[in-house]
């Protein structure tokens, strides 16, 4: 059961990378994508952690909301 949950989590995280257009924007350069994630992790280890989490959370919620709006308007 744990393995299934882990697999599902990894698939969902990969979906977020795709949803953020990182695959296309980087030309599917996985070193660049990993570099972006390592940079984000470094920021989360810094004093700017809480401020950055707040900013990223807002942007993420907005992106999810925009996605839902786009889905709703594209349905017949």
PDB file of N, CA and C in Angstrom:
ATOM      1  N   UNK A   1       0.817  -1.194   0.000  1.00  0.00           N
ATOM      2  CA  UNK A   1       0.000   0.000   0.000  1.00  0.00           C
ATOM      3  C   UNK A   1       0.868   1.269   0.000  1.00  0.00           C
ATOM      4  N   UNK A   2       1.919   1.273   0.801  1.00  0.00           N
ATOM      5  CA  UNK A   2       2.813   2.429   0.862  1.00  0.00           C
ATOM      6  C   UNK A   2       3.419   2.724  -0.513  1.00  0.00           C
ATOM      7  N   UNK A   3       3.755   1.663  -1.235  1.00  0.00           N
ATOM      8  CA  UNK A   3       4.365   1.831  -2.549  1.00  0.00           C
ATOM      9  C   UNK A   3       3.406   2.502  -3.522  1.00  0.00           C
ATOM     10  N   UNK A   4       2.141   2.111  -3.471  1.00  0.00           N
ATOM     11  CA  UNK A   4       1.134   2.738  -4.337  1.00  0.00           C
ATOM     12  C   UNK A   4       0.967   4.216  -4.023  1.00  0.00           C
ATOM     13  N   UNK A   5       0.918   4.510  -2.729  1.00  0.00           N
ATOM     14  CA  UNK A   5       0.776   5.907  -2.305  1.00  0.00           C
ATOM     15  C   UNK A   5       1.963   6.738  -2.774  1.00  0.00           C
ATOM     16  N   UNK A   6       3.158   6.188  -2.645  1.00  0.00           N
ATOM     17  CA  UNK A   6       4.372   6.886  -3.078  1.00  0.00           C
ATOM     18  C   UNK A   6       4.354   7.088  -4.590  1.00  0.00           C
ATOM     19  N   UNK A   7       3.952   6.066  -5.333  1.00  0.00           N
ATOM     20  CA  UNK A   7       3.878   6.170  -6.786  1.00  0.00           C
ATOM     21  C   UNK A   7       2.874   7.243  -7.184  1.00  0.00           C
ATOM     22  N   UNK A   8       1.724   7.267  -6.541  1.00  0.00           N
ATOM     23  CA  UNK A   8       0.707   8.281  -6.831  1.00  0.00           C
ATOM     24  C   UNK A   8       1.237   9.685  -6.539  1.00  0.00           C
ATOM     25  N   UNK A   9       1.937   9.828  -5.412  1.00  0.00           N
ATOM     26  CA  UNK A   9       2.505  11.127  -5.049  1.00  0.00           C
ATOM     27  C   UNK A   9       3.496  11.592  -6.116  1.00  0.00           C
ATOM     28  N   UNK A  10       4.362  10.703  -6.561  1.00  0.00           N
ATOM     29  CA  UNK A  10       5.357  11.067  -7.573  1.00  0.00           C
ATOM     30  C   UNK A  10       4.699  11.445  -8.896  1.00  0.00           C
ATOM     31  N   UNK A  11       3.651  10.735  -9.276  1.00  0.00           N
ATOM     32  CA  UNK A  11       2.926  11.064 -10.508  1.00  0.00           C
ATOM     33  C   UNK A  11       2.280  12.439 -10.388  1.00  0.00           C
ATOM     34  N   UNK A  12       1.667  12.718  -9.236  1.00  0.00           N
ATOM     35  CA  UNK A  12       1.045  14.020  -9.028  1.00  0.00           C
ATOM     36  C   UNK A  12       2.070  15.143  -9.047  1.00  0.00           C
ATOM     37  N   UNK A  13       3.230  14.915  -8.440  1.00  0.00           N
ATOM     38  CA  UNK A  13       4.280  15.937  -8.446  1.00  0.00           C
ATOM     39  C   UNK A  13       4.795  16.183  -9.867  1.00  0.00           C
ATOM     40  N   UNK A  14       4.933  15.121 -10.637  1.00  0.00           N
ATOM     41  CA  UNK A  14       5.319  15.281 -12.043  1.00  0.00           C
ATOM     42  C   UNK A  14       4.275  16.072 -12.807  1.00  0.00           C
ATOM     43  N   UNK A  15       3.009  15.852 -12.476  1.00  0.00           N
ATOM     44  CA  UNK A  15       1.931  16.619 -13.102  1.00  0.00           C
ATOM     45  C   UNK A  15       2.030  18.095 -12.788  1.00  0.00           C
ATOM     46  N   UNK A  16       2.448  18.415 -11.574  1.00  0.00           N
ATOM     47  CA  UNK A  16       2.620  19.829 -11.205  1.00  0.00           C
ATOM     48  C   UNK A  16       3.756  20.478 -11.996  1.00  0.00           C
ATOM     49  N   UNK A  17       4.831  19.730 -12.196  1.00  0.00           N
ATOM     50  CA  UNK A  17       5.940  20.237 -13.005  1.00  0.00           C
ATOM     51  C   UNK A  17       5.443  20.528 -14.420  1.00  0.00           C
ATOM     52  N   UNK A  18       4.659  19.626 -14.976  1.00  0.00           N
ATOM     53  CA  UNK A  18       4.102  19.826 -16.318  1.00  0.00           C
ATOM     54  C   UNK A  18       3.101  20.976 -16.331  1.00  0.00           C
ATOM     55  N   UNK A  19       2.239  21.055 -15.318  1.00  0.00           N
ATOM     56  CA  UNK A  19       1.223  22.107 -15.248  1.00  0.00           C
ATOM     57  C   UNK A  19       1.854  23.500 -15.194  1.00  0.00           C
ATOM     58  N   UNK A  20       3.034  23.586 -14.568  1.00  0.00           N
ATOM     59  CA  UNK A  20       3.746  24.863 -14.472  1.00  0.00           C
ATOM     60  C   UNK A  20       4.483  25.196 -15.775  1.00  0.00           C
ATOM     61  N   UNK A  21       4.342  24.357 -16.781  1.00  0.00           N
ATOM     62  CA  UNK A  21       4.998  24.514 -18.088  1.00  0.00           C
ATOM     63  C   UNK A  21       6.516  24.421 -18.018  1.00  0.00           C
ATOM     64  N   UNK A  22       7.044  23.828 -16.947  1.00  0.00           N
ATOM     65  CA  UNK A  22       8.498  23.741 -16.811  1.00  0.00           C
ATOM     66  C   UNK A  22       9.123  22.814 -17.850  1.00  0.00           C
ATOM     67  N   UNK A  23       8.402  21.783 -18.235  1.00  0.00           N
ATOM     68  CA  UNK A  23       8.943  20.854 -19.224  1.00  0.00           C
ATOM     69  C   UNK A  23       9.129  21.582 -20.551  1.00  0.00           C
ATOM     70  N   UNK A  24       8.102  22.285 -20.974  1.00  0.00           N
ATOM     71  CA  UNK A  24       8.171  22.991 -22.239  1.00  0.00           C
ATOM     72  C   UNK A  24       9.128  24.188 -22.187  1.00  0.00           C
ATOM     73  N   UNK A  25       9.049  24.956 -21.113  1.00  0.00           N
ATOM     74  CA  UNK A  25       9.880  26.162 -20.996  1.00  0.00           C
ATOM     75  C   UNK A  25      11.373  25.853 -20.914  1.00  0.00           C
ATOM     76  N   UNK A  26      11.719  24.655 -20.425  1.00  0.00           N
ATOM     77  CA  UNK A  26      13.129  24.276 -20.316  1.00  0.00           C
ATOM     78  C   UNK A  26      13.572  23.367 -21.457  1.00  0.00           C
ATOM     79  N   UNK A  27      12.674  23.080 -22.379  1.00  0.00           N
ATOM     80  CA  UNK A  27      13.010  22.142 -23.449  1.00  0.00           C
ATOM     81  C   UNK A  27      13.244  20.739 -22.904  1.00  0.00           C
ATOM     82  N   UNK A  28      12.525  20.399 -21.836  1.00  0.00           N
ATOM     83  CA  UNK A  28      12.633  19.098 -21.171  1.00  0.00           C
ATOM     84  C   UNK A  28      14.058  18.834 -20.685  1.00  0.00           C
ATOM     85  N   UNK A  29      14.757  19.904 -20.302  1.00  0.00           N
ATOM     86  CA  UNK A  29      16.120  19.783 -19.763  1.00  0.00           C
ATOM     87  C   UNK A  29      16.000  19.490 -18.272  1.00  0.00           C
ATOM     88  N   UNK A  30      16.181  18.247 -17.920  1.00  0.00           N
ATOM     89  CA  UNK A  30      15.960  17.816 -16.538  1.00  0.00           C
ATOM     90  C   UNK A  30      16.977  18.393 -15.566  1.00  0.00           C
ATOM     91  N   UNK A  31      18.171  18.707 -16.056  1.00  0.00           N
ATOM     92  CA  UNK A  31      19.161  19.352 -15.193  1.00  0.00           C
ATOM     93  C   UNK A  31      18.679  20.754 -14.802  1.00  0.00           C
ATOM     94  N   UNK A  32      18.080  21.458 -15.730  1.00  0.00           N
ATOM     95  CA  UNK A  32      17.535  22.789 -15.444  1.00  0.00           C
ATOM     96  C   UNK A  32      16.377  22.681 -14.459  1.00  0.00           C
ATOM     97  N   UNK A  33      15.478  21.727 -14.699  1.00  0.00           N
ATOM     98  CA  UNK A  33      14.325  21.555 -13.799  1.00  0.00           C
ATOM     99  C   UNK A  33      14.817  21.210 -12.396  1.00  0.00           C
ATOM    100  N   UNK A  34      15.776  20.302 -12.292  1.00  0.00           N
ATOM    101  CA  UNK A  34      16.320  19.967 -10.978  1.00  0.00           C
ATOM    102  C   UNK A  34      16.992  21.186 -10.352  1.00  0.00           C
ATOM    103  N   UNK A  35      17.707  21.968 -11.148  1.00  0.00           N
ATOM    104  CA  UNK A  35      18.336  23.185 -10.643  1.00  0.00           C
ATOM    105  C   UNK A  35      17.323  24.156 -10.070  1.00  0.00           C
ATOM    106  N   UNK A  36      16.191  24.293 -10.754  1.00  0.00           N
ATOM    107  CA  UNK A  36      15.116  25.151 -10.248  1.00  0.00           C
ATOM    108  C   UNK A  36      14.610  24.654  -8.899  1.00  0.00           C
ATOM    109  N   UNK A  37      14.423  23.363  -8.795  1.00  0.00           N
ATOM    110  CA  UNK A  37      13.925  22.778  -7.552  1.00  0.00           C
ATOM    111  C   UNK A  37      14.947  22.882  -6.421  1.00  0.00           C
ATOM    112  N   UNK A  38      16.224  22.703  -6.742  1.00  0.00           N
ATOM    113  CA  UNK A  38      17.282  22.845  -5.747  1.00  0.00           C
ATOM    114  C   UNK A  38      17.338  24.295  -5.263  1.00  0.00           C
ATOM    115  N   UNK A  39      17.181  25.229  -6.174  1.00  0.00           N
ATOM    116  CA  UNK A  39      17.155  26.644  -5.809  1.00  0.00           C
ATOM    117  C   UNK A  39      15.973  26.954  -4.893  1.00  0.00           C
ATOM    118  N   UNK A  40      14.814  26.396  -5.209  1.00  0.00           N
ATOM    119  CA  UNK A  40      13.639  26.586  -4.354  1.00  0.00           C
ATOM    120  C   UNK A  40      13.882  26.000  -2.971  1.00  0.00           C
ATOM    121  N   UNK A  41      14.507  24.830  -2.901  1.00  0.00           N
ATOM    122  CA  UNK A  41      14.810  24.206  -1.611  1.00  0.00           C
ATOM    123  C   UNK A  41      15.775  25.074  -0.805  1.00  0.00           C
ATOM    124  N   UNK A  42      16.748  25.665  -1.466  1.00  0.00           N
ATOM    125  CA  UNK A  42      17.688  26.555  -0.780  1.00  0.00           C
ATOM    126  C   UNK A  42      16.954  27.763  -0.210  1.00  0.00           C
ATOM    127  N   UNK A  43      16.019  28.300  -0.953  1.00  0.00           N
ATOM    128  CA  UNK A  43      15.218  29.425  -0.473  1.00  0.00           C
ATOM    129  C   UNK A  43      14.423  29.023   0.760  1.00  0.00           C
ATOM    130  N   UNK A  44      13.892  27.801   0.754  1.00  0.00           N
ATOM    131  CA  UNK A  44      13.108  27.327   1.902  1.00  0.00           C
ATOM    132  C   UNK A  44      13.966  27.077   3.136  1.00  0.00           C
ATOM    133  N   UNK A  45      15.265  26.968   2.947  1.00  0.00           N
ATOM    134  CA  UNK A  45      16.175  26.811   4.086  1.00  0.00           C
ATOM    135  C   UNK A  45      16.664  28.163   4.604  1.00  0.00           C
ATOM    136  N   UNK A  46      16.288  29.237   3.933  1.00  0.00           N
ATOM    137  CA  UNK A  46      16.784  30.565   4.286  1.00  0.00           C
ATOM    138  C   UNK A  46      15.808  31.307   5.196  1.00  0.00           C
ATOM    139  N   UNK A  47      16.199  32.506   5.565  1.00  0.00           N
ATOM    140  CA  UNK A  47      15.347  33.345   6.401  1.00  0.00           C
ATOM    141  C   UNK A  47      14.104  33.827   5.650  1.00  0.00           C
ATOM    142  N   UNK A  48      14.147  33.746   4.335  1.00  0.00           N
ATOM    143  CA  UNK A  48      13.023  34.200   3.515  1.00  0.00           C
ATOM    144  C   UNK A  48      11.930  33.140   3.397  1.00  0.00           C
ATOM    145  N   UNK A  49      12.066  32.040   4.114  1.00  0.00           N
ATOM    146  CA  UNK A  49      11.166  30.893   3.984  1.00  0.00           C
ATOM    147  C   UNK A  49       9.688  31.258   4.039  1.00  0.00           C
ATOM    148  N   UNK A  50       9.251  31.871   5.113  1.00  0.00           N
ATOM    149  CA  UNK A  50       7.819  32.134   5.302  1.00  0.00           C
ATOM    150  C   UNK A  50       7.270  33.087   4.247  1.00  0.00           C
ATOM    151  N   UNK A  51       8.026  34.120   3.941  1.00  0.00           N
ATOM    152  CA  UNK A  51       7.585  35.088   2.918  1.00  0.00           C
ATOM    153  C   UNK A  51       7.460  34.400   1.561  1.00  0.00           C
ATOM    154  N   UNK A  52       8.452  33.574   1.230  1.00  0.00           N
ATOM    155  CA  UNK A  52       8.435  32.888  -0.062  1.00  0.00           C
ATOM    156  C   UNK A  52       7.319  31.851  -0.128  1.00  0.00           C
ATOM    157  N   UNK A  53       7.098  31.114   0.952  1.00  0.00           N
ATOM    158  CA  UNK A  53       6.001  30.144   0.975  1.00  0.00           C
ATOM    159  C   UNK A  53       4.666  30.842   0.735  1.00  0.00           C
ATOM    160  N   UNK A  54       4.474  31.985   1.376  1.00  0.00           N
ATOM    161  CA  UNK A  54       3.228  32.745   1.197  1.00  0.00           C
ATOM    162  C   UNK A  54       3.060  33.156  -0.256  1.00  0.00           C
ATOM    163  N   UNK A  55       4.115  33.677  -0.862  1.00  0.00           N
ATOM    164  CA  UNK A  55       4.069  34.105  -2.264  1.00  0.00           C
ATOM    165  C   UNK A  55       3.779  32.927  -3.186  1.00  0.00           C
ATOM    166  N   UNK A  56       4.518  31.839  -2.999  1.00  0.00           N
ATOM    167  CA  UNK A  56       4.327  30.671  -3.866  1.00  0.00           C
ATOM    168  C   UNK A  56       2.953  30.051  -3.669  1.00  0.00           C
ATOM    169  N   UNK A  57       2.455  30.041  -2.439  1.00  0.00           N
ATOM    170  CA  UNK A  57       1.127  29.481  -2.169  1.00  0.00           C
ATOM    171  C   UNK A  57       0.062  30.283  -2.912  1.00  0.00           C
ATOM    172  N   UNK A  58       0.156  31.609  -2.843  1.00  0.00           N
ATOM    173  CA  UNK A  58      -0.807  32.465  -3.561  1.00  0.00           C
ATOM    174  C   UNK A  58      -0.776  32.207  -5.055  1.00  0.00           C
ATOM    175  N   UNK A  59       0.431  32.150  -5.604  1.00  0.00           N
ATOM    176  CA  UNK A  59       0.568  31.901  -7.046  1.00  0.00           C
ATOM    177  C   UNK A  59       0.014  30.538  -7.436  1.00  0.00           C
ATOM    178  N   UNK A  60       0.286  29.544  -6.600  1.00  0.00           N
ATOM    179  CA  UNK A  60      -0.208  28.198  -6.882  1.00  0.00           C
ATOM    180  C   UNK A  60      -1.721  28.129  -6.836  1.00  0.00           C
ATOM    181  N   UNK A  61      -2.311  28.756  -5.823  1.00  0.00           N
ATOM    182  CA  UNK A  61      -3.774  28.760  -5.724  1.00  0.00           C
ATOM    183  C   UNK A  61      -4.390  29.481  -6.911  1.00  0.00           C
ATOM    184  N   UNK A  62      -3.758  30.583  -7.323  1.00  0.00           N
ATOM    185  CA  UNK A  62      -4.247  31.316  -8.497  1.00  0.00           C
ATOM    186  C   UNK A  62      -4.158  30.452  -9.747  1.00  0.00           C
ATOM    187  N   UNK A  63      -3.065  29.715  -9.896  1.00  0.00           N
ATOM    188  CA  UNK A  63      -2.896  28.850 -11.066  1.00  0.00           C
ATOM    189  C   UNK A  63      -3.939  27.735 -11.084  1.00  0.00           C
ATOM    190  N   UNK A  64      -4.211  27.136  -9.907  1.00  0.00           N
ATOM    191  CA  UNK A  64      -5.258  26.115  -9.839  1.00  0.00           C
ATOM    192  C   UNK A  64      -6.616  26.716 -10.192  1.00  0.00           C
ATOM    193  N   UNK A  65      -6.907  27.906  -9.670  1.00  0.00           N
ATOM    194  CA  UNK A  65      -8.188  28.562  -9.950  1.00  0.00           C
ATOM    195  C   UNK A  65      -8.311  28.895 -11.431  1.00  0.00           C
ATOM    196  N   UNK A  66      -7.244  29.388 -12.030  1.00  0.00           N
ATOM    197  CA  UNK A  66      -7.259  29.704 -13.460  1.00  0.00           C
ATOM    198  C   UNK A  66      -7.502  28.452 -14.284  1.00  0.00           C
ATOM    199  N   UNK A  67      -6.903  27.351 -13.855  1.00  0.00           N
ATOM    200  CA  UNK A  67      -7.064  26.078 -14.540  1.00  0.00           C
ATOM    201  C   UNK A  67      -8.521  25.612 -14.479  1.00  0.00           C
ATOM    202  N   UNK A  68      -9.128  25.738 -13.308  1.00  0.00           N
ATOM    203  CA  UNK A  68     -10.536  25.359 -13.153  1.00  0.00           C
ATOM    204  C   UNK A  68     -11.441  26.247 -13.996  1.00  0.00           C
ATOM    205  N   UNK A  69     -11.137  27.542 -14.044  1.00  0.00           N
ATOM    206  CA  UNK A  69     -11.933  28.478 -14.852  1.00  0.00           C
ATOM    207  C   UNK A  69     -11.821  28.137 -16.336  1.00  0.00           C
ATOM    208  N   UNK A  70     -10.624  27.825 -16.776  1.00  0.00           N
ATOM    209  CA  UNK A  70     -10.417  27.470 -18.177  1.00  0.00           C
ATOM    210  C   UNK A  70     -11.162  26.192 -18.535  1.00  0.00           C
ATOM    211  N   UNK A  71     -11.153  25.213 -17.619  1.00  0.00           N
ATOM    212  CA  UNK A  71     -11.878  23.967 -17.846  1.00  0.00           C
ATOM    213  C   UNK A  71     -13.380  24.230 -17.930  1.00  0.00           C
ATOM    214  N   UNK A  72     -13.894  25.077 -17.061  1.00  0.00           N
ATOM    215  CA  UNK A  72     -15.331  25.359 -17.021  1.00  0.00           C
ATOM    216  C   UNK A  72     -15.789  26.082 -18.278  1.00  0.00           C
ATOM    217  N   UNK A  73     -14.957  26.977 -18.810  1.00  0.00           N
ATOM    218  CA  UNK A  73     -15.367  27.736 -19.988  1.00  0.00           C
ATOM    219  C   UNK A  73     -15.196  26.942 -21.268  1.00  0.00           C
ATOM    220  N   UNK A  74     -14.374  25.900 -21.242  1.00  0.00           N
ATOM    221  CA  UNK A  74     -14.166  25.115 -22.471  1.00  0.00           C
ATOM    222  C   UNK A  74     -15.186  23.994 -22.627  1.00  0.00           C
ATOM    223  N   UNK A  75     -15.991  23.764 -21.605  1.00  0.00           N
ATOM    224  CA  UNK A  75     -17.023  22.725 -21.706  1.00  0.00           C
ATOM    225  C   UNK A  75     -18.231  23.241 -22.462  1.00  0.00           C
ATOM    226  N   UNK A  76     -18.829  22.383 -23.283  1.00  0.00           N
ATOM    227  CA  UNK A  76     -20.018  22.810 -24.049  1.00  0.00           C
ATOM    228  C   UNK A  76     -21.248  22.922 -23.181  1.00  0.00           C
TER     229      UNK A  76
END
